[in-house]
Structures are given as C-alpha cells and as structure tokens.
Protein backbone atom coordinates (compact mmCIF):
# COMPACT_ATOMS: atom_id res chain seq x y z
CA MET A 1 -57.03 -3.50 -30.24
CA THR A 2 -58.94 -5.84 -27.97
CA ASP A 3 -61.35 -3.08 -27.15
CA ILE A 4 -62.07 -2.45 -30.87
CA LEU A 5 -62.71 -6.17 -31.46
CA ALA A 6 -65.04 -6.29 -28.40
CA ASP A 7 -66.94 -3.23 -29.60
CA ARG A 8 -67.31 -4.83 -33.03
CA ARG A 9 -68.58 -8.10 -31.56
CA HIS A 10 -71.17 -6.14 -29.43
CA LEU A 11 -72.26 -4.16 -32.41
CA LEU A 12 -72.72 -7.38 -34.46
CA LEU A 13 -74.64 -9.04 -31.70
CA ALA A 14 -76.87 -6.03 -31.25
CA ALA A 15 -77.60 -5.92 -35.01
CA LEU A 16 -78.39 -9.67 -35.24
CA PRO A 17 -82.10 -9.38 -34.03
CA LEU A 18 -82.64 -6.63 -36.54
CA ALA A 19 -81.21 -8.66 -39.42
CA MET A 20 -83.36 -11.64 -38.39
CA LEU A 21 -86.50 -9.45 -38.49
CA GLY A 22 -85.78 -8.62 -42.09
CA SER A 23 -86.10 -12.26 -43.03
CA ALA A 24 -89.31 -12.86 -41.00
CA ARG A 25 -92.50 -13.10 -43.00
CA ALA A 26 -95.79 -11.48 -41.86
CA THR A 27 -99.03 -13.58 -42.11
CA PRO A 28 -100.80 -12.63 -45.33
CA LEU A 29 -103.99 -10.63 -44.99
CA ASN A 30 -107.13 -12.73 -44.61
CA PRO A 31 -109.90 -11.01 -46.64
CA ALA A 32 -112.49 -12.75 -44.50
CA GLU A 33 -111.06 -11.09 -41.42
CA THR A 34 -110.03 -7.70 -42.78
CA ILE A 35 -112.56 -6.53 -45.33
CA ILE A 36 -111.35 -3.62 -47.44
CA THR A 37 -113.56 -1.47 -49.70
CA LEU A 38 -111.52 0.80 -51.93
CA PRO A 39 -112.94 4.23 -52.84
CA GLU A 40 -113.94 3.20 -56.34
CA GLN A 41 -115.92 0.25 -54.79
CA ILE A 42 -117.98 2.39 -52.37
CA PRO A 43 -121.63 1.95 -53.29
CA TRP A 44 -122.82 5.57 -53.64
CA GLN A 45 -126.67 5.88 -54.01
CA ALA A 46 -128.89 8.75 -54.96
CA ARG A 47 -131.78 9.33 -52.49
CA PRO A 48 -135.17 8.55 -54.07
CA GLY A 49 -137.21 11.78 -54.45
CA TRP A 50 -134.28 14.11 -53.96
CA PRO A 51 -132.88 16.34 -56.75
CA ALA A 52 -129.91 15.12 -58.83
CA ASN A 53 -126.58 16.39 -57.51
CA SER A 54 -128.02 17.33 -54.11
CA VAL A 55 -127.00 14.50 -51.76
CA ILE A 56 -125.90 10.88 -52.09
CA SER A 57 -125.12 8.27 -49.52
CA ALA A 58 -123.16 5.02 -49.17
CA PRO A 59 -124.08 2.54 -46.56
CA LEU A 60 -120.85 0.86 -45.41
CA PHE A 61 -121.88 -1.22 -42.40
CA GLY A 62 -125.37 -2.12 -40.98
CA HIS A 63 -128.48 -0.23 -41.95
CA ARG A 64 -130.13 2.89 -40.48
CA ASP A 65 -133.57 1.12 -40.33
CA GLN A 66 -132.45 -2.14 -38.71
CA PRO A 67 -131.35 -2.56 -35.11
CA GLY A 68 -127.69 -2.33 -34.44
CA LEU A 69 -124.62 -0.29 -35.32
CA TYR A 70 -124.50 1.43 -38.72
CA TYR A 71 -121.87 3.35 -40.54
CA GLU A 72 -122.45 5.38 -43.71
CA LEU A 73 -120.99 8.13 -45.86
CA ILE A 74 -123.05 11.21 -46.94
CA LYS A 75 -122.04 13.51 -49.71
CA TRP A 76 -123.77 16.95 -49.91
CA TYR A 77 -123.31 19.10 -52.99
CA PRO A 78 -123.16 22.93 -52.91
CA GLY A 79 -126.50 24.64 -52.79
CA TYR A 80 -128.44 21.86 -50.93
CA MET A 81 -129.15 21.33 -47.30
CA SER A 82 -131.51 19.12 -45.30
CA ALA A 83 -134.71 20.50 -43.91
CA PRO A 84 -134.74 20.59 -40.03
CA HIS A 85 -135.20 17.12 -38.65
CA THR A 86 -134.51 14.87 -35.66
CA TYR A 87 -133.34 11.32 -35.02
CA LEU A 88 -134.26 8.90 -32.27
CA THR A 89 -130.58 8.09 -31.62
CA ASP A 90 -127.32 10.02 -31.43
CA ARG A 91 -125.22 10.30 -34.57
CA LEU A 92 -121.49 10.61 -34.48
CA CYS A 93 -120.05 12.44 -37.50
CA VAL A 94 -116.59 13.09 -38.89
CA VAL A 95 -116.09 15.49 -41.75
CA VAL A 96 -113.89 13.50 -44.18
CA SER A 97 -113.47 16.14 -46.92
CA GLY A 98 -114.76 19.56 -47.82
CA THR A 99 -116.67 21.92 -45.50
CA TRP A 100 -120.02 21.04 -43.81
CA TRP A 101 -122.45 23.71 -42.80
CA VAL A 102 -124.45 22.80 -39.67
CA ASN A 103 -127.02 24.38 -37.39
CA SER A 104 -129.31 23.39 -34.53
CA GLY A 105 -132.98 24.24 -34.22
CA ALA A 106 -136.29 23.90 -36.00
CA ASP A 107 -136.01 27.26 -37.86
CA PHE A 108 -134.17 26.93 -41.17
CA ASP A 109 -131.68 29.71 -41.50
CA PRO A 110 -128.57 28.79 -43.55
CA ALA A 111 -127.02 32.24 -42.80
CA ARG A 112 -126.66 31.17 -39.20
CA CYS A 113 -124.95 27.84 -39.92
CA ARG A 114 -121.55 27.08 -38.52
CA LYS A 115 -118.79 26.15 -40.92
CA VAL A 116 -117.22 22.83 -40.01
CA PRO A 117 -113.97 21.92 -41.86
CA ALA A 118 -112.60 18.50 -42.77
CA GLY A 119 -111.21 16.55 -39.86
CA SER A 120 -113.87 17.90 -37.42
CA PHE A 121 -116.11 15.72 -35.20
CA VAL A 122 -119.81 16.58 -34.76
CA HIS A 123 -122.11 14.83 -32.23
CA ARG A 124 -125.75 15.10 -33.13
CA VAL A 125 -127.71 14.52 -29.95
CA ALA A 126 -130.88 12.35 -30.25
CA GLY A 127 -134.25 14.09 -30.42
CA THR A 128 -132.77 17.61 -31.14
CA PRO A 129 -133.80 19.35 -34.45
CA HIS A 130 -130.95 20.26 -36.79
CA TYR A 131 -130.16 20.74 -40.41
CA ASP A 132 -126.95 20.69 -42.54
CA GLY A 133 -125.43 20.52 -46.03
CA VAL A 134 -123.36 22.87 -48.18
CA ILE A 135 -124.38 26.52 -48.61
CA ALA A 136 -124.85 27.84 -52.23
CA SER A 137 -121.49 29.60 -52.20
CA GLY A 138 -119.69 26.39 -51.15
CA THR A 139 -116.97 25.46 -53.61
CA GLU A 140 -116.96 21.73 -53.18
CA PRO A 141 -119.05 18.82 -51.95
CA VAL A 142 -118.63 17.67 -48.36
CA VAL A 143 -118.23 14.01 -47.40
CA ILE A 144 -119.29 13.05 -43.85
CA ALA A 145 -118.81 9.66 -42.13
CA ILE A 146 -121.65 8.92 -39.85
CA CYS A 147 -121.99 6.21 -37.25
CA GLY A 148 -124.76 5.48 -34.79
CA MET A 149 -127.24 2.98 -33.37
CA ALA A 150 -130.21 2.08 -35.48
CA PRO A 151 -133.07 2.36 -36.05
CA VAL A 152 -132.67 6.14 -36.28
CA HIS A 153 -136.34 7.10 -36.95
CA MET A 154 -135.75 10.34 -38.81
CA ALA A 155 -138.62 12.85 -38.50
CA TYR A 156 -138.85 16.20 -40.35
CA VAL A 157 -139.97 19.25 -38.35
CA GLU A 158 -142.24 20.27 -41.23
CA ALA A 159 -143.42 16.83 -42.45
CA HIS A 160 -145.62 18.33 -45.15
CA LYS A 161 -142.46 19.85 -46.95
CA PRO A 162 -139.58 18.08 -48.82
CA GLY A 163 -136.70 16.83 -46.70
CA TRP A 164 -134.29 19.06 -48.66
CA ARG A 165 -133.76 22.76 -49.29
CA LYS A 166 -132.37 24.24 -52.47
CA LEU A 167 -130.39 27.41 -51.69
C-alpha cells in the first residue's frame, strides 16, 4: 500500500508543473511588433498599361525601386506571361498557389517552359534573361511570393515591345 501511495504522490508532483502552465497567461500580441495583414487586406494592384486579368501585384514590404529589402506577391492569370527580361539583383521566389510556368533565355518560347507547382522555390539569378506566367491551358492563376534587394532595375530584352505576352 505504501508503494501505491508513493507512486500517486510522485504522479501528482510530476503533474503539478503542467497544471501550473494551464493557469499561466501569455503576453498579448503587440500589433506594433507583430504586424499582420490578412488575405482580404492585401493591397492587390493592376499594373498600368497591362491588360485586365493578366497580372496583378501586391507590395508587402519595401519597394522594388527603393534601396533595401522588398517582398511582394505576384498573381498571373492563365494565358499571360512576361516578355523576356532581366533584373539587376537576384529574386527569390516561392510558388504560394497554382502552377507557375518559367523559362530562361531571351527567346520567348512558352512550349519550352518548365511547370513549377505550389510549394516550389525558384532563384532568379541577377542579369539573366527569363520569362514566366501561366500558359493558355492553365486552369488557375498562380500566386508567387518574391523577395529581393532593390532597386531591381528591370529591363526587357525587346524594349520596343510590351512587357507582356498574350498566349
């Protein structure tokens, strides 16, 4: 009987810290220190001069044209891609949802694009021509989270043509 009482006493003592944790209070979130933007609050913007329902973007942090770190979302709709272009700085991209179609090179050939599914990471190397978007047979838009150091100094390979391609 003494062993049973000792076992119970040890069990109660072991459980005491867990019981005390349940009564502890966490510090409330400080919105000045942890800034949250919910999906419906993300500031999506059409690109001036681009067709409706082709591509939109949402700057989340910093700006692509001002020195420093920037972070943005890009949403491509099916049937539109960028024209081949380059950037002065690297871009780090994560496919958030949908399927992104990407290729390298100055020659625009969507049939040679690589299909990149949600969850993938793509590193665009500075100064290298590339293009991307969603092919015409794509079934949904793609959302890409992009981070890099600004200014990016985007330059189109064929500067006399629009920066987008309709497929």
